[in-house]
């Protein structure tokens, strides 16, 4: 079965196509992708993941389906709520 594992930084991205067996979990696909060769900072055992933009809560249990793309998520530098508050404060000062 064919799946993809994807990771992106603002200036670089990588999509790795994999052939995996039926009953392959999301976490297994991430480990098999060897994404850390391209992005050494990625911890394949703990990175947050999703499938086509929808977060996967239990990647060790979630079974992949043919054609799915596993996306690895970076940690946010700023909490989205705080970012909105910062923008609002900046706008209020203007």
Protein backbone atom coordinates (compact mmCIF):
# COMPACT_ATOMS: atom_id res chain seq x y z
CA UNK A 1 0.00 0.00 0.00
CA UNK A 2 1.33 3.46 -0.89
CA UNK A 3 1.36 6.38 1.60
CA UNK A 4 3.26 9.64 2.00
CA UNK A 5 5.01 11.31 4.92
CA UNK A 6 5.40 15.09 4.68
CA UNK A 7 7.26 17.72 6.69
CA UNK A 8 7.81 21.39 5.93
CA UNK A 9 9.76 24.35 7.21
CA UNK A 10 9.21 27.88 5.89
CA UNK A 11 12.05 27.44 3.39
CA UNK A 12 12.19 23.67 2.84
CA UNK A 13 9.78 20.76 2.50
CA UNK A 14 9.98 17.04 1.87
CA UNK A 15 7.36 14.48 0.87
CA UNK A 16 8.48 10.88 1.11
CA UNK A 17 6.50 8.15 -0.62
CA UNK A 18 6.49 4.78 1.10
CA UNK A 19 5.23 1.29 0.35
CA UNK A 20 3.92 -0.14 3.62
CA UNK A 21 2.00 -3.26 4.58
CA UNK A 22 -1.66 -3.30 5.51
CA UNK A 23 -2.22 -2.45 9.19
CA UNK A 24 0.75 -0.04 9.23
CA UNK A 25 0.24 2.61 11.90
CA UNK A 26 0.85 6.31 11.47
CA UNK A 27 3.83 6.20 13.86
CA UNK A 28 5.34 3.21 12.00
CA UNK A 29 5.16 5.12 8.71
CA UNK A 30 6.85 8.15 10.28
CA UNK A 31 9.66 5.96 11.59
CA UNK A 32 10.09 4.16 8.24
CA UNK A 33 10.23 7.43 6.32
CA UNK A 34 13.68 8.28 7.74
CA UNK A 35 12.59 11.92 7.69
CA UNK A 36 15.27 12.74 10.29
CA UNK A 37 17.89 12.30 7.54
CA UNK A 38 16.52 15.52 6.01
CA UNK A 39 15.36 17.16 9.26
CA UNK A 40 17.54 15.97 12.17
CA UNK A 41 15.50 18.01 14.65
CA UNK A 42 12.42 15.79 14.13
CA UNK A 43 11.89 13.21 16.88
CA UNK A 44 9.99 10.47 15.04
CA UNK A 45 8.78 8.96 18.31
CA UNK A 46 7.10 12.12 19.66
CA UNK A 47 6.39 14.48 16.75
CA UNK A 48 2.73 15.52 16.48
CA UNK A 49 1.10 14.22 13.32
CA UNK A 50 -2.02 14.42 11.22
CA UNK A 51 -3.55 12.95 8.10
CA UNK A 52 -4.51 15.50 5.43
CA UNK A 53 -4.63 18.31 8.00
CA UNK A 54 -6.59 16.47 10.68
CA UNK A 55 -4.68 15.75 13.90
CA UNK A 56 -4.16 12.12 14.86
CA UNK A 57 -4.48 11.68 18.61
CA UNK A 58 -3.13 8.12 18.84
CA UNK A 59 -0.58 7.65 16.04
CA UNK A 60 0.61 4.37 17.57
CA UNK A 61 -2.89 2.93 17.04
CA UNK A 62 -4.22 4.74 13.94
CA UNK A 63 -4.04 2.44 10.91
CA UNK A 64 -3.25 4.06 7.56
CA UNK A 65 -5.28 3.65 4.40
CA UNK A 66 -4.04 3.56 0.82
CA UNK A 67 -3.00 6.99 -0.47
CA UNK A 68 -3.07 8.84 2.84
CA UNK A 69 -0.50 11.53 3.60
CA UNK A 70 0.92 11.74 7.11
CA UNK A 71 1.89 15.30 7.98
CA UNK A 72 4.39 16.07 10.71
CA UNK A 73 3.69 19.22 12.71
CA UNK A 74 6.29 21.62 14.06
CA UNK A 75 5.95 23.12 17.51
CA UNK A 76 4.50 26.62 17.42
CA UNK A 77 6.87 29.42 18.37
CA UNK A 78 4.00 31.54 19.71
CA UNK A 79 0.66 30.37 21.07
CA UNK A 80 -2.03 31.36 18.51
CA UNK A 81 -4.09 33.09 21.21
CA UNK A 82 -1.09 35.14 22.25
CA UNK A 83 -0.31 36.02 18.62
CA UNK A 84 -3.87 37.35 18.16
CA UNK A 85 -3.60 39.35 21.38
CA UNK A 86 -0.28 40.81 20.22
CA UNK A 87 -1.79 41.85 16.88
CA UNK A 88 -4.83 43.38 18.59
CA UNK A 89 -2.62 45.35 20.97
CA UNK A 90 -0.49 46.60 18.09
CA UNK A 91 -3.60 47.67 16.15
CA UNK A 92 -5.04 49.45 19.21
CA UNK A 93 -1.84 51.51 19.56
CA UNK A 94 -1.99 52.64 15.91
